[in-house]
Amino acid sequence: QLTKKLLTQQKKILVQNIQIMENHLIFINTGRTRALIEPRLQDMKFDGYICGCGTYIEIHNKVLYHKTIDKHKYKEIIQVLKDNETEMIIEGIESIYMDTETKDKQKQAKIQEFLQRGFPIKPLNSEDLSFDKFCFILENPDKRENIIEYIENEGLDYIDRGSNLFEVVPKGHSKASGMEFLLNYFNLEKEDS
């Protein structure tokens, strides 16, 4: 699992740990989409990635599985999020999409931080919009039920992270479903992973 602890440890320690496990396949399993895997982690040459809460699975640069949200729903989803007063991060495998035209200083700072970390950010109205999942923060908690009802009616799953932060994925997808896919792919029992 990709955590802040992993990101803050020195690369030297991680490389030594990876070398110890040289007879094993090493995967990053994260709720982040492929676009949000920091370049310094990509440089470590993991065997593969389970990204976007199981919506994207890759081994040795080969995509084994990829599930996107229905492209016919992209604009509608973004409009519902806007109408219900959220700050959103729309996550695809090649880019993330944010309100790059915001005048809000805190949101501008977050965008700049993401750019400095090497994340490819595009505006919400990009022609090449494509996404597997999205996150949002409710700026008006009174709008919670509106959004939850919409998400459920669209057949999506959501994770309430607390503090009005939500993650939304295609139904049936999670980090656990990504692991299950790989166990089946390699014909392994859970105990052998």
Protein backbone atom coordinates (compact mmCIF):
# COMPACT_ATOMS: atom_id res chain seq x y z
CA GLN A 1 0.00 0.00 0.00
CA LEU A 2 1.28 3.41 -0.97
CA THR A 3 1.42 5.61 2.10
CA LYS A 4 2.99 8.87 3.10
CA LYS A 5 5.52 6.84 5.09
CA LEU A 6 6.69 5.10 1.91
CA LEU A 7 6.97 8.43 0.13
CA THR A 8 9.05 9.99 2.88
CA GLN A 9 11.53 7.16 3.40
CA GLN A 10 14.88 7.49 1.73
CA LYS A 11 15.20 5.81 -1.66
CA LYS A 12 18.29 3.94 -0.44
CA ILE A 13 16.31 2.11 2.24
CA LEU A 14 13.56 1.21 -0.21
CA VAL A 15 16.03 -0.09 -2.80
CA GLN A 16 17.67 -2.28 -0.14
CA ASN A 17 14.28 -3.67 0.88
CA ILE A 18 13.40 -4.38 -2.74
CA GLN A 19 16.71 -6.19 -3.28
CA ILE A 20 15.99 -8.40 -0.26
CA MET A 21 12.78 -9.52 -1.98
CA GLU A 22 14.43 -10.24 -5.33
CA ASN A 23 12.62 -13.57 -5.80
CA HIS A 24 9.23 -11.93 -5.39
CA LEU A 25 7.08 -9.70 -7.55
CA ILE A 26 6.68 -6.30 -5.96
CA PHE A 27 3.60 -4.20 -6.64
CA ILE A 28 2.38 -0.84 -5.48
CA ASN A 29 -1.30 -1.11 -4.55
CA THR A 30 -2.85 2.32 -4.18
CA GLY A 31 -6.09 4.21 -4.40
CA ARG A 32 -4.28 6.72 -6.60
CA THR A 33 -4.58 6.42 -10.36
CA ARG A 34 -1.51 5.76 -12.52
CA ALA A 35 -1.08 9.49 -13.18
CA LEU A 36 -0.55 10.06 -9.45
CA ILE A 37 2.37 7.67 -9.02
CA GLU A 38 5.23 10.02 -8.32
CA PRO A 39 8.15 9.90 -10.75
CA ARG A 40 10.59 9.00 -7.96
CA LEU A 41 8.55 5.84 -7.25
CA GLN A 42 8.32 4.97 -10.94
CA ASP A 43 12.11 5.18 -11.11
CA MET A 44 12.33 2.30 -8.63
CA LYS A 45 11.14 -0.18 -11.25
CA PHE A 46 8.44 -2.04 -9.35
CA ASP A 47 7.13 -5.13 -11.11
CA GLY A 48 3.69 -3.61 -11.35
CA TYR A 49 0.96 -1.39 -10.09
CA ILE A 50 -2.60 -1.76 -8.88
CA CYS A 51 -3.94 1.77 -9.18
CA GLY A 52 -7.15 3.70 -8.80
CA CYS A 53 -8.67 1.32 -6.25
CA GLY A 54 -8.31 -1.65 -8.57
CA THR A 55 -9.40 0.11 -11.76
CA TYR A 56 -5.96 -0.26 -13.38
CA ILE A 57 -3.53 -3.17 -13.13
CA GLU A 58 -0.14 -3.28 -14.82
CA ILE A 59 2.77 -5.71 -14.73
CA HIS A 60 6.12 -5.06 -16.43
CA ASN A 61 4.61 -2.14 -18.38
CA LYS A 62 1.78 -4.32 -19.74
CA VAL A 63 -1.78 -3.32 -18.86
CA LEU A 64 -3.68 -6.37 -17.61
CA TYR A 65 -6.89 -4.59 -16.64
CA HIS A 66 -8.35 -1.12 -16.99
CA LYS A 67 -11.84 0.10 -16.09
CA THR A 68 -12.88 3.67 -16.76
CA ILE A 69 -16.02 5.50 -15.84
CA ASP A 70 -18.46 5.72 -18.76
CA LYS A 71 -17.19 8.56 -20.95
CA HIS A 72 -20.76 9.61 -21.73
CA LYS A 73 -21.10 10.57 -18.05
CA TYR A 74 -17.94 12.69 -17.70
CA LYS A 75 -19.49 16.13 -18.20
CA GLU A 76 -22.56 15.24 -16.17
CA ILE A 77 -20.46 14.05 -13.22
CA ILE A 78 -18.36 17.21 -13.25
CA GLN A 79 -21.50 19.37 -13.44
CA VAL A 80 -23.10 17.52 -10.50
CA LEU A 81 -19.93 18.06 -8.46
CA LYS A 82 -19.89 21.77 -9.36
CA ASP A 83 -23.61 22.21 -8.66
CA ASN A 84 -23.18 20.63 -5.23
CA GLU A 85 -20.26 22.84 -4.19
CA THR A 86 -17.30 20.50 -4.16
CA GLU A 87 -13.59 20.75 -4.71
CA MET A 88 -12.82 17.88 -7.07
CA ILE A 89 -9.88 15.92 -8.39
CA ILE A 90 -10.79 13.86 -11.45
CA GLU A 91 -8.27 11.02 -11.85
CA GLY A 92 -7.23 9.29 -15.07
CA ILE A 93 -4.28 7.08 -15.92
CA GLU A 94 -2.39 9.77 -17.84
CA SER A 95 -3.63 12.99 -16.22
CA ILE A 96 -5.59 14.39 -13.37
CA TYR A 97 -8.12 17.13 -13.95
CA MET A 98 -8.73 20.04 -11.63
CA ASP A 99 -10.30 23.48 -11.67
CA THR A 100 -7.17 25.20 -12.96
CA GLU A 101 -9.10 28.46 -13.41
CA THR A 102 -9.94 28.80 -9.72
CA LYS A 103 -9.35 32.14 -8.04
CA ASP A 104 -9.19 30.49 -4.60
CA LYS A 105 -5.64 30.88 -3.25
CA GLN A 106 -5.68 27.57 -1.31
CA LYS A 107 -6.82 25.63 -4.37
CA GLN A 108 -4.19 27.36 -6.51
CA ALA A 109 -1.54 26.37 -3.96
CA LYS A 110 -2.70 22.73 -4.08
CA ILE A 111 -2.46 22.72 -7.88
CA GLN A 112 1.06 24.18 -7.69
CA GLU A 113 2.08 21.56 -5.13
CA PHE A 114 0.81 18.78 -7.40
CA LEU A 115 2.67 20.23 -10.38
CA GLN A 116 5.90 20.44 -8.36
CA ARG A 117 5.51 16.76 -7.47
CA GLY A 118 5.40 15.93 -11.18
CA PHE A 119 1.68 15.22 -11.54
CA PRO A 120 0.20 15.93 -15.00
CA ILE A 121 -2.70 18.33 -14.37
CA LYS A 122 -5.20 19.45 -16.99
CA PRO A 123 -8.31 21.63 -16.78
CA LEU A 124 -11.72 20.06 -16.18
CA ASN A 125 -12.88 21.03 -19.67
CA SER A 126 -10.03 19.22 -21.48
CA GLU A 127 -10.92 17.66 -24.81
CA ASP A 128 -9.08 14.45 -23.86
CA LEU A 129 -10.87 14.04 -20.53
CA SER A 130 -10.73 10.40 -19.42
CA PHE A 131 -11.03 9.14 -15.87
CA ASP A 132 -11.25 6.02 -13.77
CA LYS A 133 -12.27 7.56 -10.45
CA PHE A 134 -12.64 10.87 -8.70
CA CYS A 135 -12.34 12.46 -5.29
CA PHE A 136 -14.15 15.42 -3.90
CA ILE A 137 -14.41 17.50 -0.78
CA LEU A 138 -17.83 18.82 0.13
CA GLU A 139 -17.56 22.54 0.69
CA ASN A 140 -21.20 22.58 1.79
CA PRO A 141 -22.00 19.48 3.91
CA ASP A 142 -25.73 20.13 3.37
CA LYS A 143 -25.25 18.89 -0.22
CA ARG A 144 -24.02 15.43 0.90
CA GLU A 145 -27.28 13.56 0.29
CA ASN A 146 -27.66 15.05 -3.22
CA ILE A 147 -24.27 13.75 -4.30
CA ILE A 148 -24.55 10.37 -2.56
CA GLU A 149 -27.93 9.76 -4.21
CA TYR A 150 -26.48 10.64 -7.61
CA ILE A 151 -23.45 8.36 -7.11
CA GLU A 152 -25.61 5.42 -6.02
CA ASN A 153 -28.07 5.94 -8.90
CA GLU A 154 -25.16 5.90 -11.36
CA GLY A 155 -23.98 2.52 -10.07
CA LEU A 156 -20.76 3.85 -8.58
CA ASP A 157 -19.22 3.01 -5.22
CA TYR A 158 -17.99 5.63 -2.82
CA ILE A 159 -15.68 5.67 0.17
CA ASP A 160 -16.32 8.25 2.87
CA ARG A 161 -12.82 9.22 4.05
CA GLY A 162 -14.16 11.56 6.76
CA SER A 163 -13.85 15.33 6.97
CA ASN A 164 -16.22 15.59 3.96
CA LEU A 165 -13.72 13.82 1.67
CA PHE A 166 -15.07 11.14 -0.68
CA GLU A 167 -13.54 8.80 -3.24
CA VAL A 168 -15.72 7.42 -6.04
CA VAL A 169 -14.94 4.35 -8.17
CA PRO A 170 -16.75 2.06 -10.61
CA LYS A 171 -18.91 -0.44 -8.74
CA GLY A 172 -17.04 -3.43 -7.32
CA HIS A 173 -13.58 -1.89 -7.50
CA SER A 174 -11.20 -1.56 -4.56
CA LYS A 175 -7.60 -2.19 -3.65
CA ALA A 176 -8.74 -5.64 -2.51
CA SER A 177 -10.40 -6.40 -5.87
CA GLY A 178 -7.12 -5.47 -7.56
CA MET A 179 -5.23 -7.95 -5.38
CA GLU A 180 -7.83 -10.61 -6.08
CA PHE A 181 -7.38 -10.04 -9.82
CA LEU A 182 -3.62 -10.60 -9.50
CA LEU A 183 -4.04 -13.69 -7.33
CA ASN A 184 -6.30 -15.15 -10.02
CA TYR A 185 -3.93 -14.05 -12.79
CA PHE A 186 -0.99 -15.82 -11.14
CA ASN A 187 -3.16 -18.70 -9.86
CA LEU A 188 -2.09 -18.04 -6.26
CA GLU A 189 -3.79 -18.46 -2.95
CA LYS A 190 -4.16 -15.42 -0.72
CA GLU A 191 -1.74 -16.95 1.79
CA ASP A 192 0.97 -17.03 -0.89
CA SER A 193 0.80 -13.32 -1.59
